[in-house]
Amino acid sequence: MTWALKKYGSILAVAALSFCLGHPAFAGPLDEAKAQAHLNAVAAGDLDALMRDYTDDAYMEWVGGPLDGRYRGKAAIRAVWEKFIAANAGKPRPANVGKLSAFANPRGTSLQAKAEYGGALPLKVLHVLTYREGELTTELWQIAPALQIDQ
């Protein structure tokens, strides 16, 4: 086999593999900025900002505490956030949010953060937010009293 044939064969193989695997998706500034804005809205008690990125059929799993439950759809999620905000008399909560970790593939991006919120009922939370095509589709809110916040 000649050198040119090997070279072009290798290029063709790489191109074919890229086509089969699809275009890679990576958590980028947009996904991370949206997740950070969401966490900031939790601390601020900003309901409109909290609801901004949810899809109409979004799903939230709230594990632990008085709001424990599964919530499907924007209306149900909005109602649980209204209760959360009211529990602190509508005031912002001091927050210590740890390092945001992002995991992505061509189908979506999941972002994880650990946070500690002050206020009338202080709590530590593991957040996992899943974005598909820039919209928040799934949120896990895990209350975890022994959680260590990583910076």
C-alpha atoms as a PDB file:
ATOM      1  CA  MET A   1       0.000   0.000   0.000  1.00  0.00           C
ATOM      2  CA  THR A   2       1.402   3.368  -0.893  1.00  0.00           C
ATOM      3  CA  TRP A   3       1.982   6.160   1.592  1.00  0.00           C
ATOM      4  CA  ALA A   4      -0.722   8.379  -0.013  1.00  0.00           C
ATOM      5  CA  LEU A   5      -3.292   5.585   0.088  1.00  0.00           C
ATOM      6  CA  LYS A   6      -2.569   4.941   3.799  1.00  0.00           C
ATOM      7  CA  LYS A   7      -2.839   8.653   4.566  1.00  0.00           C
ATOM      8  CA  TYR A   8      -6.173   9.096   2.800  1.00  0.00           C
ATOM      9  CA  GLY A   9      -7.483   5.841   4.236  1.00  0.00           C
ATOM     10  CA  SER A  10      -6.704   7.080   7.749  1.00  0.00           C
ATOM     11  CA  ILE A  11      -8.395  10.410   7.078  1.00  0.00           C
ATOM     12  CA  LEU A  12     -11.480   8.627   5.716  1.00  0.00           C
ATOM     13  CA  ALA A  13     -11.618   6.320   8.767  1.00  0.00           C
ATOM     14  CA  VAL A  14     -11.468   9.268  11.184  1.00  0.00           C
ATOM     15  CA  ALA A  15     -14.169  11.113   9.235  1.00  0.00           C
ATOM     16  CA  ALA A  16     -16.416   8.033   9.216  1.00  0.00           C
ATOM     17  CA  LEU A  17     -15.950   7.504  12.942  1.00  0.00           C
ATOM     18  CA  SER A  18     -16.786  11.155  13.638  1.00  0.00           C
ATOM     19  CA  PHE A  19     -19.945  10.868  11.545  1.00  0.00           C
ATOM     20  CA  CYS A  20     -21.054   7.691  13.349  1.00  0.00           C
ATOM     21  CA  LEU A  21     -20.499   9.177  16.786  1.00  0.00           C
ATOM     22  CA  GLY A  22     -22.210  12.465  15.985  1.00  0.00           C
ATOM     23  CA  HIS A  23     -21.015  15.853  17.033  1.00  0.00           C
ATOM     24  CA  PRO A  24     -19.689  15.885  20.564  1.00  0.00           C
ATOM     25  CA  ALA A  25     -21.443  18.141  23.028  1.00  0.00           C
ATOM     26  CA  PHE A  26     -19.598  19.625  25.931  1.00  0.00           C
ATOM     27  CA  ALA A  27     -20.848  21.591  28.865  1.00  0.00           C
ATOM     28  CA  GLY A  28     -20.050  25.062  27.827  1.00  0.00           C
ATOM     29  CA  PRO A  29     -20.394  28.523  29.229  1.00  0.00           C
ATOM     30  CA  LEU A  30     -24.106  28.657  28.338  1.00  0.00           C
ATOM     31  CA  ASP A  31     -25.056  25.517  30.328  1.00  0.00           C
ATOM     32  CA  GLU A  32     -22.877  26.481  33.261  1.00  0.00           C
ATOM     33  CA  ALA A  33     -24.147  30.069  33.243  1.00  0.00           C
ATOM     34  CA  LYS A  34     -27.763  28.866  33.256  1.00  0.00           C
ATOM     35  CA  ALA A  35     -27.094  26.485  36.136  1.00  0.00           C
ATOM     36  CA  GLN A  36     -25.290  29.192  38.111  1.00  0.00           C
ATOM     37  CA  ALA A  37     -28.145  31.641  37.470  1.00  0.00           C
ATOM     38  CA  HIS A  38     -30.616  29.005  38.699  1.00  0.00           C
ATOM     39  CA  LEU A  39     -28.668  28.465  41.923  1.00  0.00           C
ATOM     40  CA  ASN A  40     -28.386  32.221  42.428  1.00  0.00           C
ATOM     41  CA  ALA A  41     -32.167  32.498  41.991  1.00  0.00           C
ATOM     42  CA  VAL A  42     -32.669  29.837  44.702  1.00  0.00           C
ATOM     43  CA  ALA A  43     -30.598  31.930  47.124  1.00  0.00           C
ATOM     44  CA  ALA A  44     -32.292  35.185  46.091  1.00  0.00           C
ATOM     45  CA  GLY A  45     -35.801  33.739  46.302  1.00  0.00           C
ATOM     46  CA  ASP A  46     -36.423  35.026  42.749  1.00  0.00           C
ATOM     47  CA  LEU A  47     -39.359  32.953  41.512  1.00  0.00           C
ATOM     48  CA  ASP A  48     -39.392  34.300  37.951  1.00  0.00           C
ATOM     49  CA  ALA A  49     -35.674  33.614  37.516  1.00  0.00           C
ATOM     50  CA  LEU A  50     -36.094  30.144  39.027  1.00  0.00           C
ATOM     51  CA  MET A  51     -38.805  29.243  36.520  1.00  0.00           C
ATOM     52  CA  ARG A  52     -37.089  30.731  33.463  1.00  0.00           C
ATOM     53  CA  ASP A  53     -35.437  27.617  31.965  1.00  0.00           C
ATOM     54  CA  TYR A  54     -37.863  24.805  32.870  1.00  0.00           C
ATOM     55  CA  THR A  55     -39.560  22.965  30.029  1.00  0.00           C
ATOM     56  CA  ASP A  56     -43.347  22.654  30.243  1.00  0.00           C
ATOM     57  CA  ASP A  57     -43.023  18.978  31.234  1.00  0.00           C
ATOM     58  CA  ALA A  58     -39.994  19.373  33.517  1.00  0.00           C
ATOM     59  CA  TYR A  59     -39.578  16.992  36.397  1.00  0.00           C
ATOM     60  CA  MET A  60     -38.305  17.739  39.900  1.00  0.00           C
ATOM     61  CA  GLU A  61     -37.347  15.208  42.542  1.00  0.00           C
ATOM     62  CA  TRP A  62     -37.164  16.910  45.965  1.00  0.00           C
ATOM     63  CA  VAL A  63     -35.720  14.461  48.489  1.00  0.00           C
ATOM     64  CA  GLY A  64     -36.076  15.230  52.201  1.00  0.00           C
ATOM     65  CA  GLY A  65     -37.593  17.952  54.313  1.00  0.00           C
ATOM     66  CA  PRO A  66     -41.137  19.308  54.343  1.00  0.00           C
ATOM     67  CA  LEU A  67     -41.285  19.671  50.533  1.00  0.00           C
ATOM     68  CA  ASP A  68     -40.250  16.063  49.868  1.00  0.00           C
ATOM     69  CA  GLY A  69     -41.924  14.708  46.756  1.00  0.00           C
ATOM     70  CA  ARG A  70     -42.024  14.362  42.993  1.00  0.00           C
ATOM     71  CA  TYR A  71     -43.210  17.284  40.929  1.00  0.00           C
ATOM     72  CA  ARG A  72     -44.073  17.166  37.230  1.00  0.00           C
ATOM     73  CA  GLY A  73     -44.707  20.219  35.054  1.00  0.00           C
ATOM     74  CA  LYS A  74     -44.117  23.928  35.463  1.00  0.00           C
ATOM     75  CA  ALA A  75     -47.217  24.565  37.578  1.00  0.00           C
ATOM     76  CA  ALA A  76     -46.289  21.924  40.174  1.00  0.00           C
ATOM     77  CA  ILE A  77     -42.655  23.040  40.258  1.00  0.00           C
ATOM     78  CA  ARG A  78     -43.689  26.683  40.590  1.00  0.00           C
ATOM     79  CA  ALA A  79     -45.934  25.789  43.558  1.00  0.00           C
ATOM     80  CA  VAL A  80     -43.074  24.043  45.394  1.00  0.00           C
ATOM     81  CA  TRP A  81     -40.734  27.005  44.834  1.00  0.00           C
ATOM     82  CA  GLU A  82     -43.430  29.375  46.117  1.00  0.00           C
ATOM     83  CA  LYS A  83     -43.577  27.316  49.335  1.00  0.00           C
ATOM     84  CA  PHE A  84     -39.777  27.292  49.622  1.00  0.00           C
ATOM     85  CA  ILE A  85     -39.589  31.072  49.215  1.00  0.00           C
ATOM     86  CA  ALA A  86     -42.492  31.657  51.649  1.00  0.00           C
ATOM     87  CA  ALA A  87     -40.737  29.507  54.283  1.00  0.00           C
ATOM     88  CA  ASN A  88     -38.086  32.251  54.461  1.00  0.00           C
ATOM     89  CA  ALA A  89     -40.636  35.111  54.399  1.00  0.00           C
ATOM     90  CA  GLY A  90     -39.658  35.902  50.795  1.00  0.00           C
ATOM     91  CA  LYS A  91     -36.199  37.054  51.875  1.00  0.00           C
ATOM     92  CA  PRO A  92     -32.921  36.039  50.207  1.00  0.00           C
ATOM     93  CA  ARG A  93     -30.967  33.228  51.833  1.00  0.00           C
ATOM     94  CA  PRO A  94     -27.237  33.466  52.448  1.00  0.00           C
ATOM     95  CA  ALA A  95     -25.680  30.778  50.257  1.00  0.00           C
ATOM     96  CA  ASN A  96     -22.395  28.954  49.988  1.00  0.00           C
ATOM     97  CA  VAL A  97     -22.388  27.166  46.626  1.00  0.00           C
ATOM     98  CA  GLY A  98     -19.554  24.779  45.900  1.00  0.00           C
ATOM     99  CA  LYS A  99     -17.808  24.019  42.649  1.00  0.00           C
ATOM    100  CA  LEU A 100     -20.095  23.334  39.692  1.00  0.00           C
ATOM    101  CA  SER A 101     -19.304  20.051  37.897  1.00  0.00           C
ATOM    102  CA  ALA A 102     -20.588  19.442  34.376  1.00  0.00           C
ATOM    103  CA  PHE A 103     -21.100  16.170  32.516  1.00  0.00           C
ATOM    104  CA  ALA A 104     -22.165  16.206  28.879  1.00  0.00           C
ATOM    105  CA  ASN A 105     -22.809  14.108  25.819  1.00  0.00           C
ATOM    106  CA  PRO A 106     -24.625  14.854  22.560  1.00  0.00           C
ATOM    107  CA  ARG A 107     -28.036  14.357  24.217  1.00  0.00           C
ATOM    108  CA  GLY A 108     -27.688  16.787  27.099  1.00  0.00           C
ATOM    109  CA  THR A 109     -25.740  18.184  30.012  1.00  0.00           C
ATOM    110  CA  SER A 110     -26.058  17.440  33.710  1.00  0.00           C
ATOM    111  CA  LEU A 111     -24.564  19.845  36.192  1.00  0.00           C
ATOM    112  CA  GLN A 112     -23.973  19.122  39.844  1.00  0.00           C
ATOM    113  CA  ALA A 113     -23.296  21.426  42.775  1.00  0.00           C
ATOM    114  CA  LYS A 114     -23.363  21.216  46.530  1.00  0.00           C
ATOM    115  CA  ALA A 115     -24.799  24.169  48.408  1.00  0.00           C
ATOM    116  CA  GLU A 116     -25.558  25.375  51.885  1.00  0.00           C
ATOM    117  CA  TYR A 117     -28.438  27.816  52.332  1.00  0.00           C
ATOM    118  CA  GLY A 118     -29.076  29.906  55.432  1.00  0.00           C
ATOM    119  CA  GLY A 119     -32.325  31.527  56.440  1.00  0.00           C
ATOM    120  CA  ALA A 120     -35.182  30.474  58.697  1.00  0.00           C
ATOM    121  CA  LEU A 121     -34.506  26.788  57.976  1.00  0.00           C
ATOM    122  CA  PRO A 122     -30.806  26.302  57.082  1.00  0.00           C
ATOM    123  CA  LEU A 123     -30.096  23.318  54.866  1.00  0.00           C
ATOM    124  CA  LYS A 124     -27.442  21.613  52.758  1.00  0.00           C
ATOM    125  CA  VAL A 125     -28.415  20.454  49.297  1.00  0.00           C
ATOM    126  CA  LEU A 126     -26.993  18.388  46.474  1.00  0.00           C
ATOM    127  CA  HIS A 127     -28.254  19.871  43.195  1.00  0.00           C
ATOM    128  CA  VAL A 128     -28.301  17.977  39.910  1.00  0.00           C
ATOM    129  CA  LEU A 129     -29.703  19.924  36.954  1.00  0.00           C
ATOM    130  CA  THR A 130     -30.190  18.350  33.514  1.00  0.00           C
ATOM    131  CA  TYR A 131     -30.384  20.560  30.435  1.00  0.00           C
ATOM    132  CA  ARG A 132     -31.444  19.388  26.990  1.00  0.00           C
ATOM    133  CA  GLU A 133     -31.153  21.858  24.131  1.00  0.00           C
ATOM    134  CA  GLY A 134     -30.625  24.661  26.644  1.00  0.00           C
ATOM    135  CA  GLU A 135     -33.763  23.948  28.682  1.00  0.00           C
ATOM    136  CA  LEU A 136     -33.976  22.590  32.226  1.00  0.00           C
ATOM    137  CA  THR A 137     -35.753  19.228  32.000  1.00  0.00           C
ATOM    138  CA  THR A 138     -34.920  17.528  35.286  1.00  0.00           C
ATOM    139  CA  GLU A 139     -33.851  18.734  38.700  1.00  0.00           C
ATOM    140  CA  LEU A 140     -32.802  16.754  41.735  1.00  0.00           C
ATOM    141  CA  TRP A 141     -32.896  18.635  45.052  1.00  0.00           C
ATOM    142  CA  GLN A 142     -31.381  16.272  47.647  1.00  0.00           C
ATOM    143  CA  ILE A 143     -31.323  17.567  51.203  1.00  0.00           C
ATOM    144  CA  ALA A 144     -28.152  16.152  52.765  1.00  0.00           C
ATOM    145  CA  PRO A 145     -27.383  17.373  56.309  1.00  0.00           C
ATOM    146  CA  ALA A 146     -23.858  15.842  56.379  1.00  0.00           C
ATOM    147  CA  LEU A 147     -22.879  17.248  52.979  1.00  0.00           C
ATOM    148  CA  GLN A 148     -19.443  18.845  52.726  1.00  0.00           C
ATOM    149  CA  ILE A 149     -19.307  21.839  50.363  1.00  0.00           C
ATOM    150  CA  ASP A 150     -16.368  21.610  47.945  1.00  0.00           C
ATOM    151  CA  GLN A 151     -14.912  24.800  46.593  1.00  0.00           C
END
